[in-house]
Amino acid sequence: MTLVVNLSPELEDRLREKAIRQGQDIDTVVSELLASILKEEAQDTAEAIRGVQQGLDDFSTGKFRSFGEYASEQRQKYNLSA
């Protein structure tokens, strides 16, 4: 697949330098960087969804505390005034 992306000269220079250091062509470097970013983004999203689901599960089973309790704990923990 061909995709045309306009880059600033500075960014293009950085990518070319990275490609040279790695002994790869710039297309491979860009493709690998994009794949890595997209994988990390998907993992972050999945982790956030798991966290929200865990919170919902905890709430539905009664594992929660009031905001007042949480705020009081944080004030004590960080020596904050009320």
C-alpha atoms as a PDB file:
ATOM      1  CA  MET A   1       0.000   0.000   0.000  1.00  0.00           C
ATOM      2  CA  THR A   2       1.244   3.451  -0.812  1.00  0.00           C
ATOM      3  CA  LEU A   3       0.536   6.262   1.609  1.00  0.00           C
ATOM      4  CA  VAL A   4       1.817   9.792   1.188  1.00  0.00           C
ATOM      5  CA  VAL A   5       2.490  11.767   4.364  1.00  0.00           C
ATOM      6  CA  ASN A   6       3.889  15.281   4.458  1.00  0.00           C
ATOM      7  CA  LEU A   7       6.563  15.657   7.135  1.00  0.00           C
ATOM      8  CA  SER A   8       8.492  18.645   8.331  1.00  0.00           C
ATOM      9  CA  PRO A   9      12.076  18.660   7.068  1.00  0.00           C
ATOM     10  CA  GLU A  10      13.288  18.218  10.662  1.00  0.00           C
ATOM     11  CA  LEU A  11      11.173  15.118  11.225  1.00  0.00           C
ATOM     12  CA  GLU A  12      12.206  13.650   7.900  1.00  0.00           C
ATOM     13  CA  ASP A  13      15.862  14.219   8.798  1.00  0.00           C
ATOM     14  CA  ARG A  14      15.370  12.480  12.141  1.00  0.00           C
ATOM     15  CA  LEU A  15      13.724   9.507  10.464  1.00  0.00           C
ATOM     16  CA  ARG A  16      16.480   9.271   7.858  1.00  0.00           C
ATOM     17  CA  GLU A  17      19.154   9.401  10.589  1.00  0.00           C
ATOM     18  CA  LYS A  18      17.354   6.650  12.520  1.00  0.00           C
ATOM     19  CA  ALA A  19      17.124   4.537   9.374  1.00  0.00           C
ATOM     20  CA  ILE A  20      20.843   4.956   8.720  1.00  0.00           C
ATOM     21  CA  ARG A  21      21.733   4.060  12.330  1.00  0.00           C
ATOM     22  CA  GLN A  22      19.592   0.924  12.096  1.00  0.00           C
ATOM     23  CA  GLY A  23      20.780  -0.003   8.623  1.00  0.00           C
ATOM     24  CA  GLN A  24      17.202   0.033   7.331  1.00  0.00           C
ATOM     25  CA  ASP A  25      15.370   1.986   4.689  1.00  0.00           C
ATOM     26  CA  ILE A  26      13.206   4.855   5.869  1.00  0.00           C
ATOM     27  CA  ASP A  27       9.970   3.095   4.822  1.00  0.00           C
ATOM     28  CA  THR A  28      10.730   0.199   7.152  1.00  0.00           C
ATOM     29  CA  VAL A  29      11.595   2.508  10.043  1.00  0.00           C
ATOM     30  CA  VAL A  30       8.398   4.530   9.626  1.00  0.00           C
ATOM     31  CA  SER A  31       6.287   1.401   9.287  1.00  0.00           C
ATOM     32  CA  GLU A  32       7.783  -0.147  12.424  1.00  0.00           C
ATOM     33  CA  LEU A  33       7.339   3.061  14.416  1.00  0.00           C
ATOM     34  CA  LEU A  34       3.696   3.373  13.401  1.00  0.00           C
ATOM     35  CA  ALA A  35       3.020  -0.296  14.172  1.00  0.00           C
ATOM     36  CA  SER A  36       4.600   0.127  17.602  1.00  0.00           C
ATOM     37  CA  ILE A  37       2.555   3.234  18.390  1.00  0.00           C
ATOM     38  CA  LEU A  38      -0.688   1.595  17.296  1.00  0.00           C
ATOM     39  CA  LYS A  39       0.070  -1.528  19.358  1.00  0.00           C
ATOM     40  CA  GLU A  40       0.778   0.574  22.466  1.00  0.00           C
ATOM     41  CA  GLU A  41      -2.406   2.563  21.914  1.00  0.00           C
ATOM     42  CA  ALA A  42      -4.459  -0.637  21.654  1.00  0.00           C
ATOM     43  CA  GLN A  43      -2.848  -1.995  24.831  1.00  0.00           C
ATOM     44  CA  ASP A  44      -3.545   1.265  26.692  1.00  0.00           C
ATOM     45  CA  THR A  45      -7.177   1.165  25.573  1.00  0.00           C
ATOM     46  CA  ALA A  46      -7.579  -2.467  26.624  1.00  0.00           C
ATOM     47  CA  GLU A  47      -5.996  -1.701  30.005  1.00  0.00           C
ATOM     48  CA  ALA A  48      -8.347   1.236  30.555  1.00  0.00           C
ATOM     49  CA  ILE A  49     -11.357  -0.903  29.672  1.00  0.00           C
ATOM     50  CA  ARG A  50     -10.209  -3.610  32.102  1.00  0.00           C
ATOM     51  CA  GLY A  51      -9.824  -0.986  34.834  1.00  0.00           C
ATOM     52  CA  VAL A  52     -13.287   0.432  34.249  1.00  0.00           C
ATOM     53  CA  GLN A  53     -14.788  -3.059  34.176  1.00  0.00           C
ATOM     54  CA  GLN A  54     -13.017  -3.942  37.426  1.00  0.00           C
ATOM     55  CA  GLY A  55     -14.447  -0.810  39.015  1.00  0.00           C
ATOM     56  CA  LEU A  56     -17.947  -1.696  37.824  1.00  0.00           C
ATOM     57  CA  ASP A  57     -17.546  -5.257  39.075  1.00  0.00           C
ATOM     58  CA  ASP A  58     -16.312  -4.011  42.454  1.00  0.00           C
ATOM     59  CA  PHE A  59     -19.231  -1.608  42.716  1.00  0.00           C
ATOM     60  CA  SER A  60     -21.777  -4.290  41.857  1.00  0.00           C
ATOM     61  CA  THR A  61     -20.381  -6.575  44.574  1.00  0.00           C
ATOM     62  CA  GLY A  62     -20.300  -3.832  47.198  1.00  0.00           C
ATOM     63  CA  LYS A  63     -16.542  -3.294  47.153  1.00  0.00           C
ATOM     64  CA  PHE A  64     -16.467   0.474  47.293  1.00  0.00           C
ATOM     65  CA  ARG A  65     -16.208   3.359  49.712  1.00  0.00           C
ATOM     66  CA  SER A  66     -17.681   6.799  49.770  1.00  0.00           C
ATOM     67  CA  PHE A  67     -15.881   9.781  48.322  1.00  0.00           C
ATOM     68  CA  GLY A  68     -15.765  11.256  51.828  1.00  0.00           C
ATOM     69  CA  GLU A  69     -13.850   8.224  53.102  1.00  0.00           C
ATOM     70  CA  TYR A  70     -11.444   8.406  50.163  1.00  0.00           C
ATOM     71  CA  ALA A  71     -10.919  12.161  50.570  1.00  0.00           C
ATOM     72  CA  SER A  72     -10.280  11.780  54.292  1.00  0.00           C
ATOM     73  CA  GLU A  73      -7.719   9.051  53.635  1.00  0.00           C
ATOM     74  CA  GLN A  74      -5.938  11.215  51.048  1.00  0.00           C
ATOM     75  CA  ARG A  75      -5.886  14.222  53.386  1.00  0.00           C
ATOM     76  CA  GLN A  76      -4.254  12.102  56.073  1.00  0.00           C
ATOM     77  CA  LYS A  77      -1.862  10.447  53.662  1.00  0.00           C
ATOM     78  CA  TYR A  78      -0.637  13.745  52.223  1.00  0.00           C
ATOM     79  CA  ASN A  79      -1.105  15.843  55.369  1.00  0.00           C
ATOM     80  CA  LEU A  80      -3.671  18.132  53.725  1.00  0.00           C
ATOM     81  CA  SER A  81      -6.130  20.391  55.511  1.00  0.00           C
ATOM     82  CA  ALA A  82      -9.850  19.774  55.183  1.00  0.00           C
END
